[in-house]
Amino acid sequence: MLVLTQKEGEILQVGKDVRIFIKRIKGNWVRLCIDAPKEVELKRIPAPKVDDEDAAPMMTAPMSAAEELADTERRVLRMARRR
């Protein structure tokens, strides 16, 4: 799993067609702007607990573009909570 530290105003590039702009970090909230083709499905998925044994296969399986976006969003939110 890749862990990144991002600041407001920075952009994450996911693959060729997806860009995630870190618009605002305020307390436990992160506002993201996502630029992706319409065919890329995006849905929110609760982050698995780190000590959850069932989470290990999810974190090692190949990800679709939508899963990569959801995973990136979870990581950004976790980073914001640590501030």
PDB file of N, CA and C in Angstrom:
ATOM      1  N   MET A   1       0.841  -1.169   0.000  1.00  0.00           N
ATOM      2  CA  MET A   1       0.000   0.000   0.000  1.00  0.00           C
ATOM      3  C   MET A   1       0.893   1.241   0.000  1.00  0.00           C
ATOM      4  N   LEU A   2       0.590   2.164  -0.853  1.00  0.00           N
ATOM      5  CA  LEU A   2       1.310   3.424  -0.941  1.00  0.00           C
ATOM      6  C   LEU A   2       0.687   4.426   0.020  1.00  0.00           C
ATOM      7  N   VAL A   3       1.506   5.065   0.840  1.00  0.00           N
ATOM      8  CA  VAL A   3       1.027   6.091   1.765  1.00  0.00           C
ATOM      9  C   VAL A   3       1.662   7.410   1.361  1.00  0.00           C
ATOM     10  N   LEU A   4       0.840   8.411   1.107  1.00  0.00           N
ATOM     11  CA  LEU A   4       1.314   9.719   0.671  1.00  0.00           C
ATOM     12  C   LEU A   4       0.918  10.792   1.666  1.00  0.00           C
ATOM     13  N   THR A   5       1.724  11.818   1.750  1.00  0.00           N
ATOM     14  CA  THR A   5       1.372  13.007   2.514  1.00  0.00           C
ATOM     15  C   THR A   5       1.146  14.120   1.510  1.00  0.00           C
ATOM     16  N   GLN A   6      -0.039  14.666   1.511  1.00  0.00           N
ATOM     17  CA  GLN A   6      -0.396  15.716   0.561  1.00  0.00           C
ATOM     18  C   GLN A   6      -0.784  16.979   1.314  1.00  0.00           C
ATOM     19  N   LYS A   7      -0.571  18.109   0.680  1.00  0.00           N
ATOM     20  CA  LYS A   7      -0.961  19.404   1.234  1.00  0.00           C
ATOM     21  C   LYS A   7      -2.077  19.982   0.390  1.00  0.00           C
ATOM     22  N   GLU A   8      -2.772  20.953   0.959  1.00  0.00           N
ATOM     23  CA  GLU A   8      -3.798  21.649   0.189  1.00  0.00           C
ATOM     24  C   GLU A   8      -3.180  22.194  -1.088  1.00  0.00           C
ATOM     25  N   GLY A   9      -3.929  22.087  -2.179  1.00  0.00           N
ATOM     26  CA  GLY A   9      -3.470  22.607  -3.458  1.00  0.00           C
ATOM     27  C   GLY A   9      -2.670  21.620  -4.285  1.00  0.00           C
ATOM     28  N   GLU A  10      -2.293  20.485  -3.710  1.00  0.00           N
ATOM     29  CA  GLU A  10      -1.528  19.491  -4.464  1.00  0.00           C
ATOM     30  C   GLU A  10      -2.463  18.589  -5.263  1.00  0.00           C
ATOM     31  N   ILE A  11      -1.911  17.927  -6.261  1.00  0.00           N
ATOM     32  CA  ILE A  11      -2.684  17.058  -7.150  1.00  0.00           C
ATOM     33  C   ILE A  11      -2.066  15.669  -7.165  1.00  0.00           C
ATOM     34  N   LEU A  12      -2.923  14.648  -7.087  1.00  0.00           N
ATOM     35  CA  LEU A  12      -2.506  13.256  -7.248  1.00  0.00           C
ATOM     36  C   LEU A  12      -2.938  12.797  -8.629  1.00  0.00           C
ATOM     37  N   GLN A  13      -2.049  12.160  -9.358  1.00  0.00           N
ATOM     38  CA  GLN A  13      -2.376  11.593 -10.665  1.00  0.00           C
ATOM     39  C   GLN A  13      -2.537  10.096 -10.474  1.00  0.00           C
ATOM     40  N   VAL A  14      -3.687   9.539 -10.855  1.00  0.00           N
ATOM     41  CA  VAL A  14      -3.947   8.105 -10.754  1.00  0.00           C
ATOM     42  C   VAL A  14      -4.124   7.578 -12.172  1.00  0.00           C
ATOM     43  N   GLY A  15      -3.179   6.790 -12.635  1.00  0.00           N
ATOM     44  CA  GLY A  15      -3.233   6.326 -14.017  1.00  0.00           C
ATOM     45  C   GLY A  15      -3.072   7.500 -14.968  1.00  0.00           C
ATOM     46  N   LYS A  16      -3.589   7.347 -16.188  1.00  0.00           N
ATOM     47  CA  LYS A  16      -3.450   8.400 -17.202  1.00  0.00           C
ATOM     48  C   LYS A  16      -4.563   9.427 -17.137  1.00  0.00           C
ATOM     49  N   ASP A  17      -5.761   9.005 -16.717  1.00  0.00           N
ATOM     50  CA  ASP A  17      -6.941   9.840 -16.896  1.00  0.00           C
ATOM     51  C   ASP A  17      -7.537  10.425 -15.626  1.00  0.00           C
ATOM     52  N   VAL A  18      -6.995  10.118 -14.464  1.00  0.00           N
ATOM     53  CA  VAL A  18      -7.631  10.545 -13.218  1.00  0.00           C
ATOM     54  C   VAL A  18      -6.695  11.458 -12.435  1.00  0.00           C
ATOM     55  N   ARG A  19      -7.226  12.617 -12.047  1.00  0.00           N
ATOM     56  CA  ARG A  19      -6.470  13.569 -11.222  1.00  0.00           C
ATOM     57  C   ARG A  19      -7.310  13.920 -10.005  1.00  0.00           C
ATOM     58  N   ILE A  20      -6.662  13.931  -8.832  1.00  0.00           N
ATOM     59  CA  ILE A  20      -7.341  14.269  -7.585  1.00  0.00           C
ATOM     60  C   ILE A  20      -6.664  15.501  -7.011  1.00  0.00           C
ATOM     61  N   PHE A  21      -7.429  16.564  -6.883  1.00  0.00           N
ATOM     62  CA  PHE A  21      -6.934  17.838  -6.368  1.00  0.00           C
ATOM     63  C   PHE A  21      -7.338  17.950  -4.902  1.00  0.00           C
ATOM     64  N   ILE A  22      -6.363  18.209  -4.017  1.00  0.00           N
ATOM     65  CA  ILE A  22      -6.638  18.391  -2.593  1.00  0.00           C
ATOM     66  C   ILE A  22      -7.057  19.852  -2.412  1.00  0.00           C
ATOM     67  N   LYS A  23      -8.364  20.081  -2.372  1.00  0.00           N
ATOM     68  CA  LYS A  23      -8.871  21.448  -2.338  1.00  0.00           C
ATOM     69  C   LYS A  23      -8.735  22.071  -0.952  1.00  0.00           C
ATOM     70  N   ARG A  24      -9.181  21.331   0.080  1.00  0.00           N
ATOM     71  CA  ARG A  24      -9.134  21.918   1.414  1.00  0.00           C
ATOM     72  C   ARG A  24      -9.016  20.822   2.461  1.00  0.00           C
ATOM     73  N   ILE A  25      -8.218  21.090   3.502  1.00  0.00           N
ATOM     74  CA  ILE A  25      -8.108  20.204   4.653  1.00  0.00           C
ATOM     75  C   ILE A  25      -8.509  21.035   5.860  1.00  0.00           C
ATOM     76  N   LYS A  26      -9.560  20.591   6.552  1.00  0.00           N
ATOM     77  CA  LYS A  26     -10.064  21.339   7.709  1.00  0.00           C
ATOM     78  C   LYS A  26     -10.461  20.334   8.780  1.00  0.00           C
ATOM     79  N   GLY A  27      -9.686  20.271   9.856  1.00  0.00           N
ATOM     80  CA  GLY A  27      -9.971  19.312  10.921  1.00  0.00           C
ATOM     81  C   GLY A  27      -9.892  17.892  10.396  1.00  0.00           C
ATOM     82  N   ASN A  28     -10.986  17.142  10.564  1.00  0.00           N
ATOM     83  CA  ASN A  28     -11.043  15.749  10.101  1.00  0.00           C
ATOM     84  C   ASN A  28     -11.607  15.616   8.700  1.00  0.00           C
ATOM     85  N   TRP A  29     -11.780  16.715   7.994  1.00  0.00           N
ATOM     86  CA  TRP A  29     -12.395  16.696   6.672  1.00  0.00           C
ATOM     87  C   TRP A  29     -11.402  17.095   5.598  1.00  0.00           C
ATOM     88  N   VAL A  30     -11.497  16.422   4.468  1.00  0.00           N
ATOM     89  CA  VAL A  30     -10.689  16.764   3.297  1.00  0.00           C
ATOM     90  C   VAL A  30     -11.650  16.965   2.133  1.00  0.00           C
ATOM     91  N   ARG A  31     -11.546  18.081   1.457  1.00  0.00           N
ATOM     92  CA  ARG A  31     -12.373  18.322   0.271  1.00  0.00           C
ATOM     93  C   ARG A  31     -11.524  17.999  -0.952  1.00  0.00           C
ATOM     94  N   LEU A  32     -12.010  17.054  -1.761  1.00  0.00           N
ATOM     95  CA  LEU A  32     -11.303  16.603  -2.950  1.00  0.00           C
ATOM     96  C   LEU A  32     -12.065  17.020  -4.197  1.00  0.00           C
ATOM     97  N   CYS A  33     -11.345  17.375  -5.230  1.00  0.00           N
ATOM     98  CA  CYS A  33     -11.922  17.585  -6.558  1.00  0.00           C
ATOM     99  C   CYS A  33     -11.332  16.487  -7.435  1.00  0.00           C
ATOM    100  N   ILE A  34     -12.190  15.681  -8.034  1.00  0.00           N
ATOM    101  CA  ILE A  34     -11.738  14.538  -8.821  1.00  0.00           C
ATOM    102  C   ILE A  34     -12.088  14.762 -10.281  1.00  0.00           C
ATOM    103  N   ASP A  35     -11.070  14.720 -11.125  1.00  0.00           N
ATOM    104  CA  ASP A  35     -11.243  14.855 -12.566  1.00  0.00           C
ATOM    105  C   ASP A  35     -11.006  13.477 -13.179  1.00  0.00           C
ATOM    106  N   ALA A  36     -12.090  12.855 -13.654  1.00  0.00           N
ATOM    107  CA  ALA A  36     -11.995  11.504 -14.213  1.00  0.00           C
ATOM    108  C   ALA A  36     -13.013  11.357 -15.336  1.00  0.00           C
ATOM    109  N   PRO A  37     -12.748  10.451 -16.275  1.00  0.00           N
ATOM    110  CA  PRO A  37     -13.731  10.196 -17.331  1.00  0.00           C
ATOM    111  C   PRO A  37     -15.054   9.708 -16.734  1.00  0.00           C
ATOM    112  N   LYS A  38     -16.148   9.960 -17.436  1.00  0.00           N
ATOM    113  CA  LYS A  38     -17.474   9.576 -16.943  1.00  0.00           C
ATOM    114  C   LYS A  38     -17.602   8.074 -16.722  1.00  0.00           C
ATOM    115  N   GLU A  39     -16.866   7.284 -17.477  1.00  0.00           N
ATOM    116  CA  GLU A  39     -16.988   5.834 -17.339  1.00  0.00           C
ATOM    117  C   GLU A  39     -16.279   5.287 -16.098  1.00  0.00           C
ATOM    118  N   VAL A  40     -15.514   6.120 -15.389  1.00  0.00           N
ATOM    119  CA  VAL A  40     -14.856   5.685 -14.158  1.00  0.00           C
ATOM    120  C   VAL A  40     -15.872   5.776 -13.027  1.00  0.00           C
ATOM    121  N   GLU A  41     -16.198   4.626 -12.442  1.00  0.00           N
ATOM    122  CA  GLU A  41     -17.160   4.573 -11.346  1.00  0.00           C
ATOM    123  C   GLU A  41     -16.460   4.982 -10.056  1.00  0.00           C
ATOM    124  N   LEU A  42     -17.101   5.821  -9.274  1.00  0.00           N
ATOM    125  CA  LEU A  42     -16.546   6.269  -7.998  1.00  0.00           C
ATOM    126  C   LEU A  42     -17.589   6.054  -6.921  1.00  0.00           C
ATOM    127  N   LYS A  43     -17.210   5.347  -5.868  1.00  0.00           N
ATOM    128  CA  LYS A  43     -18.120   5.164  -4.746  1.00  0.00           C
ATOM    129  C   LYS A  43     -17.319   5.186  -3.460  1.00  0.00           C
ATOM    130  N   ARG A  44     -17.972   5.621  -2.408  1.00  0.00           N
ATOM    131  CA  ARG A  44     -17.319   5.673  -1.100  1.00  0.00           C
ATOM    132  C   ARG A  44     -17.421   4.306  -0.442  1.00  0.00           C
ATOM    133  N   ILE A  45     -16.313   3.865   0.117  1.00  0.00           N
ATOM    134  CA  ILE A  45     -16.254   2.567   0.780  1.00  0.00           C
ATOM    135  C   ILE A  45     -15.608   2.797   2.142  1.00  0.00           C
ATOM    136  N   PRO A  46     -16.209   2.285   3.226  1.00  0.00           N
ATOM    137  CA  PRO A  46     -15.582   2.457   4.543  1.00  0.00           C
ATOM    138  C   PRO A  46     -14.187   1.835   4.557  1.00  0.00           C
ATOM    139  N   ALA A  47     -13.262   2.525   5.171  1.00  0.00           N
ATOM    140  CA  ALA A  47     -11.889   2.021   5.254  1.00  0.00           C
ATOM    141  C   ALA A  47     -11.841   0.847   6.225  1.00  0.00           C
ATOM    142  N   PRO A  48     -11.165  -0.246   5.851  1.00  0.00           N
ATOM    143  CA  PRO A  48     -11.031  -1.372   6.779  1.00  0.00           C
ATOM    144  C   PRO A  48     -10.089  -0.992   7.913  1.00  0.00           C
ATOM    145  N   LYS A  49     -10.321  -1.580   9.069  1.00  0.00           N
ATOM    146  CA  LYS A  49      -9.417  -1.351  10.194  1.00  0.00           C
ATOM    147  C   LYS A  49      -8.084  -2.002   9.863  1.00  0.00           C
ATOM    148  N   VAL A  50      -7.001  -1.381  10.299  1.00  0.00           N
ATOM    149  CA  VAL A  50      -5.662  -1.886   9.982  1.00  0.00           C
ATOM    150  C   VAL A  50      -5.448  -3.276  10.556  1.00  0.00           C
ATOM    151  N   ASP A  51      -6.013  -3.558  11.731  1.00  0.00           N
ATOM    152  CA  ASP A  51      -5.811  -4.858  12.362  1.00  0.00           C
ATOM    153  C   ASP A  51      -6.828  -5.904  11.899  1.00  0.00           C
ATOM    154  N   ASP A  52      -7.685  -5.542  10.977  1.00  0.00           N
ATOM    155  CA  ASP A  52      -8.712  -6.449  10.463  1.00  0.00           C
ATOM    156  C   ASP A  52      -8.073  -7.475   9.526  1.00  0.00           C
ATOM    157  N   GLU A  53      -8.157  -8.764   9.878  1.00  0.00           N
ATOM    158  CA  GLU A  53      -7.539  -9.814   9.059  1.00  0.00           C
ATOM    159  C   GLU A  53      -8.152  -9.882   7.669  1.00  0.00           C
ATOM    160  N   ASP A  54      -9.436  -9.550   7.559  1.00  0.00           N
ATOM    161  CA  ASP A  54     -10.099  -9.588   6.262  1.00  0.00           C
ATOM    162  C   ASP A  54      -9.619  -8.477   5.340  1.00  0.00           C
ATOM    163  N   ALA A  55      -8.978  -7.454   5.877  1.00  0.00           N
ATOM    164  CA  ALA A  55      -8.533  -6.320   5.066  1.00  0.00           C
ATOM    165  C   ALA A  55      -7.288  -6.666   4.253  1.00  0.00           C
ATOM    166  N   ALA A  56      -6.483  -7.588   4.720  1.00  0.00           N
ATOM    167  CA  ALA A  56      -5.225  -7.901   4.038  1.00  0.00           C
ATOM    168  C   ALA A  56      -5.416  -8.294   2.578  1.00  0.00           C
ATOM    169  N   PRO A  57      -6.343  -9.206   2.234  1.00  0.00           N
ATOM    170  CA  PRO A  57      -6.506  -9.542   0.813  1.00  0.00           C
ATOM    171  C   PRO A  57      -6.984  -8.354  -0.016  1.00  0.00           C
ATOM    172  N   MET A  58      -7.819  -7.498   0.560  1.00  0.00           N
ATOM    173  CA  MET A  58      -8.305  -6.333  -0.181  1.00  0.00           C
ATOM    174  C   MET A  58      -7.166  -5.388  -0.524  1.00  0.00           C
ATOM    175  N   MET A  59      -6.193  -5.295   0.356  1.00  0.00           N
ATOM    176  CA  MET A  59      -5.111  -4.346   0.150  1.00  0.00           C
ATOM    177  C   MET A  59      -4.056  -4.877  -0.810  1.00  0.00           C
ATOM    178  N   THR A  60      -4.077  -6.159  -1.109  1.00  0.00           N
ATOM    179  CA  THR A  60      -3.069  -6.718  -2.006  1.00  0.00           C
ATOM    180  C   THR A  60      -3.639  -7.089  -3.371  1.00  0.00           C
ATOM    181  N   ALA A  61      -4.957  -7.125  -3.507  1.00  0.00           N
ATOM    182  CA  ALA A  61      -5.571  -7.483  -4.788  1.00  0.00           C
ATOM    183  C   ALA A  61      -5.420  -6.340  -5.781  1.00  0.00           C
ATOM    184  N   PRO A  62      -5.334  -6.644  -7.083  1.00  0.00           N
ATOM    185  CA  PRO A  62      -5.269  -5.579  -8.086  1.00  0.00           C
ATOM    186  C   PRO A  62      -6.507  -4.698  -7.998  1.00  0.00           C
ATOM    187  N   MET A  63      -6.326  -3.387  -8.226  1.00  0.00           N
ATOM    188  CA  MET A  63      -7.421  -2.443  -8.085  1.00  0.00           C
ATOM    189  C   MET A  63      -7.867  -1.886  -9.422  1.00  0.00           C
ATOM    190  N   SER A  64      -9.162  -1.656  -9.531  1.00  0.00           N
ATOM    191  CA  SER A  64      -9.684  -0.936 -10.688  1.00  0.00           C
ATOM    192  C   SER A  64      -9.445   0.554 -10.445  1.00  0.00           C
ATOM    193  N   ALA A  65      -9.665   1.374 -11.439  1.00  0.00           N
ATOM    194  CA  ALA A  65      -9.478   2.821 -11.283  1.00  0.00           C
ATOM    195  C   ALA A  65     -10.384   3.363 -10.187  1.00  0.00           C
ATOM    196  N   ALA A  66     -11.619   2.880 -10.107  1.00  0.00           N
ATOM    197  CA  ALA A  66     -12.546   3.353  -9.074  1.00  0.00           C
ATOM    198  C   ALA A  66     -12.053   2.961  -7.689  1.00  0.00           C
ATOM    199  N   GLU A  67     -11.542   1.739  -7.559  1.00  0.00           N
ATOM    200  CA  GLU A  67     -11.017   1.305  -6.270  1.00  0.00           C
ATOM    201  C   GLU A  67      -9.782   2.117  -5.891  1.00  0.00           C
ATOM    202  N   GLU A  68      -8.937   2.438  -6.863  1.00  0.00           N
ATOM    203  CA  GLU A  68      -7.767   3.267  -6.588  1.00  0.00           C
ATOM    204  C   GLU A  68      -8.188   4.636  -6.074  1.00  0.00           C
ATOM    205  N   LEU A  69      -9.223   5.212  -6.677  1.00  0.00           N
ATOM    206  CA  LEU A  69      -9.720   6.511  -6.222  1.00  0.00           C
ATOM    207  C   LEU A  69     -10.244   6.426  -4.797  1.00  0.00           C
ATOM    208  N   ALA A  70     -11.041   5.412  -4.518  1.00  0.00           N
ATOM    209  CA  ALA A  70     -11.589   5.251  -3.173  1.00  0.00           C
ATOM    210  C   ALA A  70     -10.471   5.035  -2.163  1.00  0.00           C
ATOM    211  N   ASP A  71      -9.470   4.238  -2.527  1.00  0.00           N
ATOM    212  CA  ASP A  71      -8.335   3.996  -1.645  1.00  0.00           C
ATOM    213  C   ASP A  71      -7.562   5.285  -1.395  1.00  0.00           C
ATOM    214  N   THR A  72      -7.352   6.068  -2.421  1.00  0.00           N
ATOM    215  CA  THR A  72      -6.650   7.344  -2.271  1.00  0.00           C
ATOM    216  C   THR A  72      -7.437   8.279  -1.366  1.00  0.00           C
ATOM    217  N   GLU A  73      -8.750   8.324  -1.532  1.00  0.00           N
ATOM    218  CA  GLU A  73      -9.579   9.181  -0.685  1.00  0.00           C
ATOM    219  C   GLU A  73      -9.460   8.762   0.776  1.00  0.00           C
ATOM    220  N   ARG A  74      -9.492   7.458   1.044  1.00  0.00           N
ATOM    221  CA  ARG A  74      -9.348   6.977   2.423  1.00  0.00           C
ATOM    222  C   ARG A  74      -8.006   7.398   3.007  1.00  0.00           C
ATOM    223  N   ARG A  75      -6.938   7.259   2.219  1.00  0.00           N
ATOM    224  CA  ARG A  75      -5.607   7.626   2.712  1.00  0.00           C
ATOM    225  C   ARG A  75      -5.515   9.112   3.010  1.00  0.00           C
ATOM    226  N   VAL A  76      -6.077   9.925   2.145  1.00  0.00           N
ATOM    227  CA  VAL A  76      -6.036  11.374   2.360  1.00  0.00           C
ATOM    228  C   VAL A  76      -6.812  11.730   3.618  1.00  0.00           C
ATOM    229  N   LEU A  77      -7.964  11.115   3.821  1.00  0.00           N
ATOM    230  CA  LEU A  77      -8.759  11.382   5.019  1.00  0.00           C
ATOM    231  C   LEU A  77      -8.014  10.954   6.277  1.00  0.00           C
ATOM    232  N   ARG A  78      -7.341   9.791   6.230  1.00  0.00           N
ATOM    233  CA  ARG A  78      -6.556   9.347   7.376  1.00  0.00           C
ATOM    234  C   ARG A  78      -5.439  10.332   7.697  1.00  0.00           C
ATOM    235  N   MET A  79      -4.771  10.836   6.657  1.00  0.00           N
ATOM    236  CA  MET A  79      -3.686  11.803   6.867  1.00  0.00           C
ATOM    237  C   MET A  79      -4.225  13.072   7.507  1.00  0.00           C
ATOM    238  N   ALA A  80      -5.389  13.510   7.086  1.00  0.00           N
ATOM    239  CA  ALA A  80      -5.972  14.734   7.635  1.00  0.00           C
ATOM    240  C   ALA A  80      -6.320  14.552   9.106  1.00  0.00           C
ATOM    241  N   ARG A  81      -6.754  13.366   9.488  1.00  0.00           N
ATOM    242  CA  ARG A  81      -7.102  13.109  10.889  1.00  0.00           C
ATOM    243  C   ARG A  81      -5.877  13.173  11.787  1.00  0.00           C
ATOM    244  N   ARG A  82      -4.718  12.839  11.253  1.00  0.00           N
ATOM    245  CA  ARG A  82      -3.481  12.827  12.049  1.00  0.00           C
ATOM    246  C   ARG A  82      -2.943  14.222  12.320  1.00  0.00           C
ATOM    247  N   ARG A  83      -3.418  15.207  11.590  1.00  0.00           N
ATOM    248  CA  ARG A  83      -2.907  16.580  11.761  1.00  0.00           C
ATOM    249  C   ARG A  83      -3.416  17.217  13.013  1.00  0.00           C
TER     250      ARG A  83
END
